[in-house]
């Protein structure tokens, strides 16, 4: 039986991804946004519960309301913010992990589309829920800034070596 090989293009997208905090005013094409959201929609989840709901925020006033976190001021300027919400009723134990997996799928697809992203964990959940009318049984897990970078990120991202972060059969790092 042939062994499936991960296409190099996926690894290239993962390696080339950078956190983008400065966006051009170029709009995100609907087709590209749909593919990014589809990448999240089809993500794996515990027991296939799919406890997510994503709000794609285009409206400048709503984006401004989302930008109040210490590190989130640039959300006012990016074309789209995707807010990942987890349904605490549908999957009380795993909603946060499942929504995070879905958002990471979106980050990878966005990179493949030539779009920049930035994870946003700096927010006041009550403020975000109020601005977007998020129901009580949902939790805001994270947000993603999405758009075209105003500048190409410089340099290579530094990552720890494989031997520093991977062990075989047992944890053997000190």
Protein backbone atom coordinates (compact mmCIF):
# COMPACT_ATOMS: atom_id res chain seq x y z
CA UNK A 1 0.00 0.00 0.00
CA UNK A 2 1.48 3.41 -0.92
CA UNK A 3 2.34 5.77 1.90
CA UNK A 4 0.66 9.19 1.82
CA UNK A 5 3.14 12.05 1.71
CA UNK A 6 2.29 15.53 2.98
CA UNK A 7 2.67 17.95 0.06
CA UNK A 8 5.59 20.28 0.58
CA UNK A 9 3.32 23.25 -0.15
CA UNK A 10 1.61 22.83 3.23
CA UNK A 11 4.90 22.78 5.12
CA UNK A 12 6.06 25.79 3.10
CA UNK A 13 2.91 27.69 4.12
CA UNK A 14 3.47 26.80 7.76
CA UNK A 15 7.12 27.85 7.62
CA UNK A 16 6.38 31.13 5.86
CA UNK A 17 3.58 32.25 8.21
CA UNK A 18 4.32 35.36 10.23
CA UNK A 19 2.27 37.39 12.67
CA UNK A 20 1.13 40.42 10.72
CA UNK A 21 0.21 43.56 12.64
CA UNK A 22 0.16 46.09 9.82
CA UNK A 23 -2.36 45.65 7.00
CA UNK A 24 -3.00 47.35 3.68
CA UNK A 25 -6.49 48.64 2.95
CA UNK A 26 -6.83 46.07 0.15
CA UNK A 27 -10.04 44.11 0.76
CA UNK A 28 -9.99 40.35 1.25
CA UNK A 29 -11.75 38.71 -1.72
CA UNK A 30 -14.93 36.86 -0.74
CA UNK A 31 -13.64 33.68 -2.43
CA UNK A 32 -10.45 33.70 -0.36
CA UNK A 33 -12.35 34.39 2.87
CA UNK A 34 -14.72 31.53 2.07
CA UNK A 35 -11.77 29.13 1.63
CA UNK A 36 -10.25 30.31 4.91
CA UNK A 37 -13.54 29.77 6.75
CA UNK A 38 -13.99 26.39 5.05
CA UNK A 39 -10.60 25.30 6.37
CA UNK A 40 -11.93 25.97 9.88
CA UNK A 41 -15.34 24.44 9.25
CA UNK A 42 -13.86 21.07 8.27
CA UNK A 43 -11.33 20.88 11.11
CA UNK A 44 -11.24 17.81 13.36
CA UNK A 45 -12.92 18.01 16.75
CA UNK A 46 -13.41 15.77 19.77
CA UNK A 47 -16.18 13.27 19.06
CA UNK A 48 -16.91 15.32 15.90
CA UNK A 49 -18.92 17.77 18.03
CA UNK A 50 -17.75 20.78 15.97
CA UNK A 51 -18.41 23.19 18.86
CA UNK A 52 -17.53 26.32 16.94
CA UNK A 53 -19.05 29.40 15.49
CA UNK A 54 -16.98 31.98 13.63
CA UNK A 55 -17.88 35.64 13.22
CA UNK A 56 -16.16 37.33 10.27
CA UNK A 57 -16.14 40.99 11.26
CA UNK A 58 -15.80 43.51 8.44
CA UNK A 59 -17.60 46.51 9.94
CA UNK A 60 -15.09 49.19 11.08
CA UNK A 61 -17.06 50.11 14.21
CA UNK A 62 -17.27 46.50 15.36
CA UNK A 63 -13.55 45.97 14.60
CA UNK A 64 -12.84 49.05 16.70
CA UNK A 65 -14.84 47.52 19.57
CA UNK A 66 -12.67 44.38 19.32
CA UNK A 67 -9.41 46.36 19.42
CA UNK A 68 -9.40 47.26 23.11
CA UNK A 69 -6.96 44.58 24.25
CA UNK A 70 -3.44 45.61 25.21
CA UNK A 71 -1.95 44.12 22.01
CA UNK A 72 -5.01 44.38 19.75
CA UNK A 73 -5.12 48.04 18.71
CA UNK A 74 -4.25 47.23 15.10
CA UNK A 75 -7.56 45.37 14.65
CA UNK A 76 -9.09 48.75 13.76
CA UNK A 77 -6.96 48.75 10.60
CA UNK A 78 -7.13 45.16 9.34
CA UNK A 79 -9.89 44.34 6.84
CA UNK A 80 -11.36 41.31 8.63
CA UNK A 81 -11.29 39.91 12.14
CA UNK A 82 -12.39 36.31 12.59
CA UNK A 83 -13.71 35.67 16.08
CA UNK A 84 -13.62 32.01 17.10
CA UNK A 85 -16.34 31.11 19.60
CA UNK A 86 -16.75 27.77 21.36
CA UNK A 87 -20.06 26.21 22.35
CA UNK A 88 -19.68 25.23 26.02
CA UNK A 89 -22.90 23.17 25.90
CA UNK A 90 -21.98 21.15 22.81
CA UNK A 91 -18.52 20.25 24.12
CA UNK A 92 -17.88 21.48 27.66
CA UNK A 93 -14.44 19.86 28.00
CA UNK A 94 -13.00 20.33 24.52
CA UNK A 95 -14.51 23.44 22.92
CA UNK A 96 -11.36 25.56 23.45
CA UNK A 97 -9.03 22.97 21.91
CA UNK A 98 -11.40 22.30 19.01
CA UNK A 99 -11.87 25.99 18.17
CA UNK A 100 -8.09 26.48 18.35
CA UNK A 101 -7.52 23.62 15.90
CA UNK A 102 -10.06 25.16 13.51
CA UNK A 103 -8.47 28.60 13.78
CA UNK A 104 -5.03 27.15 13.06
CA UNK A 105 -6.43 25.51 9.92
CA UNK A 106 -7.63 28.99 8.93
CA UNK A 107 -4.20 30.50 9.57
CA UNK A 108 -2.56 27.92 7.31
CA UNK A 109 -5.13 28.41 4.54
CA UNK A 110 -4.85 32.19 4.80
CA UNK A 111 -1.08 31.94 4.39
CA UNK A 112 -1.56 29.76 1.30
CA UNK A 113 -3.93 32.46 -0.04
CA UNK A 114 -1.23 35.11 0.37
CA UNK A 115 -3.02 36.68 3.34
CA UNK A 116 -1.48 37.69 6.63
CA UNK A 117 -2.87 36.75 10.03
CA UNK A 118 -2.21 37.38 13.68
CA UNK A 119 -3.56 35.44 16.64
CA UNK A 120 -5.28 37.70 19.15
CA UNK A 121 -5.60 36.57 22.73
CA UNK A 122 -5.55 40.08 24.19
CA UNK A 123 -9.24 40.94 24.58
CA UNK A 124 -11.95 41.41 27.14
CA UNK A 125 -14.40 38.59 26.51
CA UNK A 126 -17.43 40.47 27.85
CA UNK A 127 -16.72 43.39 25.52
CA UNK A 128 -16.32 41.12 22.49
CA UNK A 129 -19.46 39.14 23.31
CA UNK A 130 -21.47 42.34 23.68
CA UNK A 131 -20.13 43.87 20.45
CA UNK A 132 -21.02 40.74 18.45
CA UNK A 133 -24.14 39.54 20.32
CA UNK A 134 -22.47 36.23 21.23
CA UNK A 135 -24.85 33.97 23.21
CA UNK A 136 -24.04 33.18 26.84
CA UNK A 137 -23.31 29.48 26.21
CA UNK A 138 -20.47 30.41 23.84
CA UNK A 139 -17.00 31.46 24.93
CA UNK A 140 -14.72 33.64 22.83
CA UNK A 141 -11.61 31.50 22.43
CA UNK A 142 -9.43 33.70 20.21
CA UNK A 143 -9.54 36.14 17.33
CA UNK A 144 -7.59 36.27 14.07
CA UNK A 145 -6.64 39.43 12.24
CA UNK A 146 -6.85 38.75 8.50
CA UNK A 147 -5.77 40.74 5.48
CA UNK A 148 -2.92 41.64 3.17
CA UNK A 149 0.25 42.71 4.95
CA UNK A 150 1.28 46.31 4.31
CA UNK A 151 4.92 45.19 4.35
CA UNK A 152 6.54 41.84 3.71
CA UNK A 153 7.80 40.51 7.05
CA UNK A 154 11.60 40.52 7.16
CA UNK A 155 13.93 37.80 8.27
CA UNK A 156 13.42 34.21 9.16
CA UNK A 157 11.31 33.14 12.11
CA UNK A 158 13.45 31.59 14.80
CA UNK A 159 12.33 28.20 16.04
CA UNK A 160 13.97 25.96 18.58
CA UNK A 161 15.77 22.93 17.15
CA UNK A 162 13.98 19.62 16.71
CA UNK A 163 16.18 18.00 19.38
CA UNK A 164 15.10 20.66 21.89
CA UNK A 165 11.39 20.05 21.45
CA UNK A 166 11.01 16.37 20.47
CA UNK A 167 11.83 13.18 22.38
CA UNK A 168 11.23 9.59 21.41
CA UNK A 169 9.43 7.16 23.70
CA UNK A 170 10.00 9.22 26.84
CA UNK A 171 10.51 12.84 27.86
CA UNK A 172 14.28 13.16 28.02
CA UNK A 173 14.91 16.87 28.26
CA UNK A 174 16.22 18.35 31.50
